[in-house]
Amino acid sequence: MPVNQVLEMVNEALKIALLISAPMLLTALVVGILISLFQSVTQIQEMTLTFIPKILATFFALSLTLPWMLETIMDYFLRLFDSIPRMVN
């Protein structure tokens, strides 16, 4: 198998992993920033205040984007499995 083909497969896999993880990570980031702003404005310095809203928001983002994630992964694996016969020389 040529090196260029392997690099292309790895590059595409990394792009898919980034795309799939982005909704949950961005949701947790935004919620974390909003809670930090709230804590700094109200001067409430409770460390455990951030966990429950982040978990709930991440779960909500996962439940909204799960069909898209599964479709993206399925498309990638179907393309990968279809390309297996062309990889073998």
C-alpha atoms as a PDB file:
ATOM      1  CA  MET A   1       0.000   0.000   0.000  1.00  0.00           C
ATOM      2  CA  PRO A   2       1.497   3.363  -0.993  1.00  0.00           C
ATOM      3  CA  VAL A   3       2.372   5.839   1.720  1.00  0.00           C
ATOM      4  CA  ASN A   4       0.250   8.562   0.099  1.00  0.00           C
ATOM      5  CA  GLN A   5      -2.833   6.370   0.354  1.00  0.00           C
ATOM      6  CA  VAL A   6      -2.211   5.672   4.041  1.00  0.00           C
ATOM      7  CA  LEU A   7      -1.653   9.361   4.765  1.00  0.00           C
ATOM      8  CA  GLU A   8      -4.876  10.240   2.962  1.00  0.00           C
ATOM      9  CA  MET A   9      -6.833   7.687   5.004  1.00  0.00           C
ATOM     10  CA  VAL A  10      -5.360   8.924   8.291  1.00  0.00           C
ATOM     11  CA  ASN A  11      -5.995  12.542   7.333  1.00  0.00           C
ATOM     12  CA  GLU A  12      -9.633  11.804   6.529  1.00  0.00           C
ATOM     13  CA  ALA A  13     -10.076   9.830   9.765  1.00  0.00           C
ATOM     14  CA  LEU A  14      -8.728  12.759  11.796  1.00  0.00           C
ATOM     15  CA  LYS A  15     -11.052  15.184  10.010  1.00  0.00           C
ATOM     16  CA  ILE A  16     -14.040  12.931  10.736  1.00  0.00           C
ATOM     17  CA  ALA A  17     -13.019  12.636  14.407  1.00  0.00           C
ATOM     18  CA  LEU A  18     -12.787  16.422  14.688  1.00  0.00           C
ATOM     19  CA  LEU A  19     -16.149  16.922  12.995  1.00  0.00           C
ATOM     20  CA  ILE A  20     -17.868  14.386  15.212  1.00  0.00           C
ATOM     21  CA  SER A  21     -16.434  15.678  18.473  1.00  0.00           C
ATOM     22  CA  ALA A  22     -16.904  19.377  17.648  1.00  0.00           C
ATOM     23  CA  PRO A  23     -20.579  19.808  18.675  1.00  0.00           C
ATOM     24  CA  MET A  24     -20.075  18.395  22.157  1.00  0.00           C
ATOM     25  CA  LEU A  25     -16.746  20.131  22.750  1.00  0.00           C
ATOM     26  CA  LEU A  26     -18.015  23.506  21.553  1.00  0.00           C
ATOM     27  CA  THR A  27     -21.142  23.166  23.672  1.00  0.00           C
ATOM     28  CA  ALA A  28     -19.087  22.399  26.779  1.00  0.00           C
ATOM     29  CA  LEU A  29     -16.781  25.310  25.960  1.00  0.00           C
ATOM     30  CA  VAL A  30     -19.598  27.827  25.554  1.00  0.00           C
ATOM     31  CA  VAL A  31     -21.415  26.654  28.684  1.00  0.00           C
ATOM     32  CA  GLY A  32     -18.158  26.749  30.649  1.00  0.00           C
ATOM     33  CA  ILE A  33     -17.433  30.311  29.533  1.00  0.00           C
ATOM     34  CA  LEU A  34     -20.970  31.450  30.350  1.00  0.00           C
ATOM     35  CA  ILE A  35     -20.817  29.884  33.810  1.00  0.00           C
ATOM     36  CA  SER A  36     -17.394  31.429  34.424  1.00  0.00           C
ATOM     37  CA  LEU A  37     -18.761  34.833  33.498  1.00  0.00           C
ATOM     38  CA  PHE A  38     -21.725  34.289  35.803  1.00  0.00           C
ATOM     39  CA  GLN A  39     -19.405  33.257  38.637  1.00  0.00           C
ATOM     40  CA  SER A  40     -17.137  36.251  38.166  1.00  0.00           C
ATOM     41  CA  VAL A  41     -20.065  38.698  38.023  1.00  0.00           C
ATOM     42  CA  THR A  42     -21.793  37.282  41.105  1.00  0.00           C
ATOM     43  CA  GLN A  43     -18.528  36.410  42.882  1.00  0.00           C
ATOM     44  CA  ILE A  44     -19.731  32.879  43.552  1.00  0.00           C
ATOM     45  CA  GLN A  45     -16.593  30.753  43.497  1.00  0.00           C
ATOM     46  CA  GLU A  46     -18.119  27.286  43.754  1.00  0.00           C
ATOM     47  CA  MET A  47     -16.074  24.754  41.770  1.00  0.00           C
ATOM     48  CA  THR A  48     -18.882  22.218  41.466  1.00  0.00           C
ATOM     49  CA  LEU A  49     -21.287  24.707  39.861  1.00  0.00           C
ATOM     50  CA  THR A  50     -19.863  24.074  36.378  1.00  0.00           C
ATOM     51  CA  PHE A  51     -20.217  20.294  36.226  1.00  0.00           C
ATOM     52  CA  ILE A  52     -23.983  19.734  36.072  1.00  0.00           C
ATOM     53  CA  PRO A  53     -24.768  22.406  33.430  1.00  0.00           C
ATOM     54  CA  LYS A  54     -21.854  21.219  31.271  1.00  0.00           C
ATOM     55  CA  ILE A  55     -22.950  17.594  31.508  1.00  0.00           C
ATOM     56  CA  LEU A  56     -26.573  18.458  30.703  1.00  0.00           C
ATOM     57  CA  ALA A  57     -25.640  20.724  27.787  1.00  0.00           C
ATOM     58  CA  THR A  58     -23.220  18.150  26.372  1.00  0.00           C
ATOM     59  CA  PHE A  59     -25.850  15.424  26.641  1.00  0.00           C
ATOM     60  CA  PHE A  60     -28.378  17.710  24.921  1.00  0.00           C
ATOM     61  CA  ALA A  61     -25.894  18.457  22.110  1.00  0.00           C
ATOM     62  CA  LEU A  62     -25.182  14.736  21.766  1.00  0.00           C
ATOM     63  CA  SER A  63     -28.863  13.869  21.546  1.00  0.00           C
ATOM     64  CA  LEU A  64     -29.417  16.550  18.884  1.00  0.00           C
ATOM     65  CA  THR A  65     -26.414  15.660  16.722  1.00  0.00           C
ATOM     66  CA  LEU A  66     -26.320  11.881  17.186  1.00  0.00           C
ATOM     67  CA  PRO A  67     -28.130  11.065  13.900  1.00  0.00           C
ATOM     68  CA  TRP A  68     -25.709  13.278  11.964  1.00  0.00           C
ATOM     69  CA  MET A  69     -22.728  11.728  13.765  1.00  0.00           C
ATOM     70  CA  LEU A  70     -23.857   8.204  12.986  1.00  0.00           C
ATOM     71  CA  GLU A  71     -24.493   9.090   9.346  1.00  0.00           C
ATOM     72  CA  THR A  72     -21.040  10.659   9.048  1.00  0.00           C
ATOM     73  CA  ILE A  73     -19.319   7.645  10.583  1.00  0.00           C
ATOM     74  CA  MET A  74     -21.321   5.207   8.458  1.00  0.00           C
ATOM     75  CA  ASP A  75     -20.474   7.117   5.269  1.00  0.00           C
ATOM     76  CA  TYR A  76     -16.785   7.131   6.167  1.00  0.00           C
ATOM     77  CA  PHE A  77     -16.682   3.414   6.931  1.00  0.00           C
ATOM     78  CA  LEU A  78     -18.642   2.535   3.807  1.00  0.00           C
ATOM     79  CA  ARG A  79     -16.158   4.506   1.699  1.00  0.00           C
ATOM     80  CA  LEU A  80     -13.288   2.881   3.583  1.00  0.00           C
ATOM     81  CA  PHE A  81     -14.623  -0.647   3.099  1.00  0.00           C
ATOM     82  CA  ASP A  82     -15.371   0.037  -0.565  1.00  0.00           C
ATOM     83  CA  SER A  83     -11.776   1.126  -1.092  1.00  0.00           C
ATOM     84  CA  ILE A  84     -10.262  -2.059   0.415  1.00  0.00           C
ATOM     85  CA  PRO A  85     -10.199  -4.017  -2.884  1.00  0.00           C
ATOM     86  CA  ARG A  86      -8.317  -1.161  -4.564  1.00  0.00           C
ATOM     87  CA  MET A  87      -5.702  -1.079  -1.782  1.00  0.00           C
ATOM     88  CA  VAL A  88      -4.464  -4.606  -2.301  1.00  0.00           C
ATOM     89  CA  ASN A  89      -1.978  -4.834  -5.146  1.00  0.00           C
END
